[in-house]
Amino acid sequence: MMYAAAAAGVVVTMLMALVRALIGPNIYNRILAVNVFGTLSVMLIAIYGFVDGRPEFLDLAIVYALINFIGTIAVTKYVTFNDMGHGDDGDPAGDI
């Protein structure tokens, strides 16, 4: 019963983050809302793994958290600088 309440709370918070991602006033609020949604997804996976008695779900949750983190950094970098690290000439090697 306690885990169902925790899962329900996480789902409600995920819906609130989804609404924020859709109507956010600027792009940075939307990126943050998507990051929060990903973090809450990790929590939901962990709760489900604990309830179901499958500890390997924690490994999946950790991998998803790492992908969420790297994706957030990449999208923020792209939005801020309008490129993904390429030089002015388009050479991916940069100054090498």
C-alpha atoms as a PDB file:
ATOM      1  CA  MET A   1       0.000   0.000   0.000  1.00  0.00           C
ATOM      2  CA  MET A   2       2.803   2.417   0.881  1.00  0.00           C
ATOM      3  CA  TYR A   3       4.615   1.733  -2.394  1.00  0.00           C
ATOM      4  CA  ALA A   4       1.440   2.308  -4.390  1.00  0.00           C
ATOM      5  CA  ALA A   5       1.088   5.712  -2.741  1.00  0.00           C
ATOM      6  CA  ALA A   6       4.720   6.511  -3.553  1.00  0.00           C
ATOM      7  CA  ALA A   7       4.229   5.435  -7.176  1.00  0.00           C
ATOM      8  CA  ALA A   8       1.028   7.488  -7.428  1.00  0.00           C
ATOM      9  CA  GLY A   9       2.828  10.538  -6.056  1.00  0.00           C
ATOM     10  CA  VAL A  10       5.624  10.094  -8.569  1.00  0.00           C
ATOM     11  CA  VAL A  11       3.124   9.741 -11.440  1.00  0.00           C
ATOM     12  CA  VAL A  12       1.261  12.887 -10.382  1.00  0.00           C
ATOM     13  CA  THR A  13       4.548  14.794 -10.209  1.00  0.00           C
ATOM     14  CA  MET A  14       5.500  13.429 -13.638  1.00  0.00           C
ATOM     15  CA  LEU A  15       2.243  14.800 -15.047  1.00  0.00           C
ATOM     16  CA  MET A  16       2.990  18.188 -13.504  1.00  0.00           C
ATOM     17  CA  ALA A  17       6.472  18.154 -15.060  1.00  0.00           C
ATOM     18  CA  LEU A  18       4.961  17.195 -18.418  1.00  0.00           C
ATOM     19  CA  VAL A  19       2.560  20.139 -18.239  1.00  0.00           C
ATOM     20  CA  ARG A  20       5.494  22.408 -17.400  1.00  0.00           C
ATOM     21  CA  ALA A  21       7.425  21.052 -20.373  1.00  0.00           C
ATOM     22  CA  LEU A  22       4.522  21.817 -22.692  1.00  0.00           C
ATOM     23  CA  ILE A  23       3.686  25.330 -21.456  1.00  0.00           C
ATOM     24  CA  GLY A  24       7.024  26.485 -20.047  1.00  0.00           C
ATOM     25  CA  PRO A  25       7.697  30.184 -20.558  1.00  0.00           C
ATOM     26  CA  ASN A  26      11.111  29.596 -22.168  1.00  0.00           C
ATOM     27  CA  ILE A  27      13.305  26.813 -23.501  1.00  0.00           C
ATOM     28  CA  TYR A  28      15.354  26.451 -20.323  1.00  0.00           C
ATOM     29  CA  ASN A  29      12.254  25.773 -18.224  1.00  0.00           C
ATOM     30  CA  ARG A  30      11.193  23.153 -20.744  1.00  0.00           C
ATOM     31  CA  ILE A  31      14.609  21.478 -20.664  1.00  0.00           C
ATOM     32  CA  LEU A  32      14.504  21.435 -16.873  1.00  0.00           C
ATOM     33  CA  ALA A  33      10.990  19.947 -16.903  1.00  0.00           C
ATOM     34  CA  VAL A  34      12.094  17.163 -19.259  1.00  0.00           C
ATOM     35  CA  ASN A  35      15.067  16.491 -16.967  1.00  0.00           C
ATOM     36  CA  VAL A  36      12.739  16.308 -13.960  1.00  0.00           C
ATOM     37  CA  PHE A  37      10.473  13.947 -15.906  1.00  0.00           C
ATOM     38  CA  GLY A  38      13.470  11.692 -16.630  1.00  0.00           C
ATOM     39  CA  THR A  39      14.539  11.728 -12.992  1.00  0.00           C
ATOM     40  CA  LEU A  40      11.033  10.826 -11.877  1.00  0.00           C
ATOM     41  CA  SER A  41      11.022   8.005 -14.427  1.00  0.00           C
ATOM     42  CA  VAL A  42      14.155   6.664 -12.760  1.00  0.00           C
ATOM     43  CA  MET A  43      12.374   6.795  -9.405  1.00  0.00           C
ATOM     44  CA  LEU A  44       9.338   5.004 -10.825  1.00  0.00           C
ATOM     45  CA  ILE A  45      11.524   2.258 -12.306  1.00  0.00           C
ATOM     46  CA  ALA A  46      13.276   1.845  -8.951  1.00  0.00           C
ATOM     47  CA  ILE A  47       9.966   1.660  -7.047  1.00  0.00           C
ATOM     48  CA  TYR A  48       8.601  -0.902  -9.477  1.00  0.00           C
ATOM     49  CA  GLY A  49      11.773  -2.973  -9.237  1.00  0.00           C
ATOM     50  CA  PHE A  50      11.563  -2.943  -5.445  1.00  0.00           C
ATOM     51  CA  VAL A  51       7.873  -3.882  -5.390  1.00  0.00           C
ATOM     52  CA  ASP A  52       8.331  -6.633  -7.964  1.00  0.00           C
ATOM     53  CA  GLY A  53      11.427  -7.993  -6.222  1.00  0.00           C
ATOM     54  CA  ARG A  54      13.691  -7.529  -9.237  1.00  0.00           C
ATOM     55  CA  PRO A  55      16.894  -5.745  -8.231  1.00  0.00           C
ATOM     56  CA  GLU A  56      18.152  -5.681 -11.825  1.00  0.00           C
ATOM     57  CA  PHE A  57      15.685  -2.855 -12.459  1.00  0.00           C
ATOM     58  CA  LEU A  58      17.972  -0.631 -10.385  1.00  0.00           C
ATOM     59  CA  ASP A  59      20.711  -1.211 -12.962  1.00  0.00           C
ATOM     60  CA  LEU A  60      18.317  -0.140 -15.692  1.00  0.00           C
ATOM     61  CA  ALA A  61      17.331   2.915 -13.668  1.00  0.00           C
ATOM     62  CA  ILE A  62      20.986   3.932 -13.249  1.00  0.00           C
ATOM     63  CA  VAL A  63      21.642   3.580 -16.984  1.00  0.00           C
ATOM     64  CA  TYR A  64      18.540   5.642 -17.739  1.00  0.00           C
ATOM     65  CA  ALA A  65      19.691   8.301 -15.251  1.00  0.00           C
ATOM     66  CA  LEU A  66      23.073   8.546 -16.988  1.00  0.00           C
ATOM     67  CA  ILE A  67      21.428   8.850 -20.410  1.00  0.00           C
ATOM     68  CA  ASN A  68      19.080  11.496 -19.016  1.00  0.00           C
ATOM     69  CA  PHE A  69      22.003  13.491 -17.599  1.00  0.00           C
ATOM     70  CA  ILE A  70      24.098  13.352 -20.774  1.00  0.00           C
ATOM     71  CA  GLY A  71      21.079  14.193 -22.930  1.00  0.00           C
ATOM     72  CA  THR A  72      20.222  17.210 -20.791  1.00  0.00           C
ATOM     73  CA  ILE A  73      23.785  18.515 -21.001  1.00  0.00           C
ATOM     74  CA  ALA A  74      23.859  17.996 -24.780  1.00  0.00           C
ATOM     75  CA  VAL A  75      20.516  19.715 -25.414  1.00  0.00           C
ATOM     76  CA  THR A  76      21.434  22.632 -23.161  1.00  0.00           C
ATOM     77  CA  LYS A  77      24.779  23.036 -24.934  1.00  0.00           C
ATOM     78  CA  TYR A  78      23.086  22.941 -28.325  1.00  0.00           C
ATOM     79  CA  VAL A  79      20.435  25.478 -27.320  1.00  0.00           C
ATOM     80  CA  THR A  80      22.989  27.803 -25.749  1.00  0.00           C
ATOM     81  CA  PHE A  81      25.702  27.712 -28.429  1.00  0.00           C
ATOM     82  CA  ASN A  82      23.782  26.483 -31.524  1.00  0.00           C
ATOM     83  CA  ASP A  83      26.395  23.815 -32.243  1.00  0.00           C
ATOM     84  CA  MET A  84      27.740  20.612 -30.741  1.00  0.00           C
ATOM     85  CA  GLY A  85      31.411  21.545 -30.509  1.00  0.00           C
ATOM     86  CA  HIS A  86      32.347  21.908 -34.147  1.00  0.00           C
ATOM     87  CA  GLY A  87      34.642  24.742 -35.116  1.00  0.00           C
ATOM     88  CA  ASP A  88      33.722  27.608 -37.419  1.00  0.00           C
ATOM     89  CA  ASP A  89      34.847  25.655 -40.470  1.00  0.00           C
ATOM     90  CA  GLY A  90      32.709  22.614 -39.603  1.00  0.00           C
ATOM     91  CA  ASP A  91      35.767  20.471 -38.885  1.00  0.00           C
ATOM     92  CA  PRO A  92      34.815  18.069 -36.055  1.00  0.00           C
ATOM     93  CA  ALA A  93      38.474  17.745 -35.059  1.00  0.00           C
ATOM     94  CA  GLY A  94      38.684  21.411 -34.098  1.00  0.00           C
ATOM     95  CA  ASP A  95      42.226  22.806 -33.788  1.00  0.00           C
ATOM     96  CA  ILE A  96      44.075  19.509 -34.131  1.00  0.00           C
END
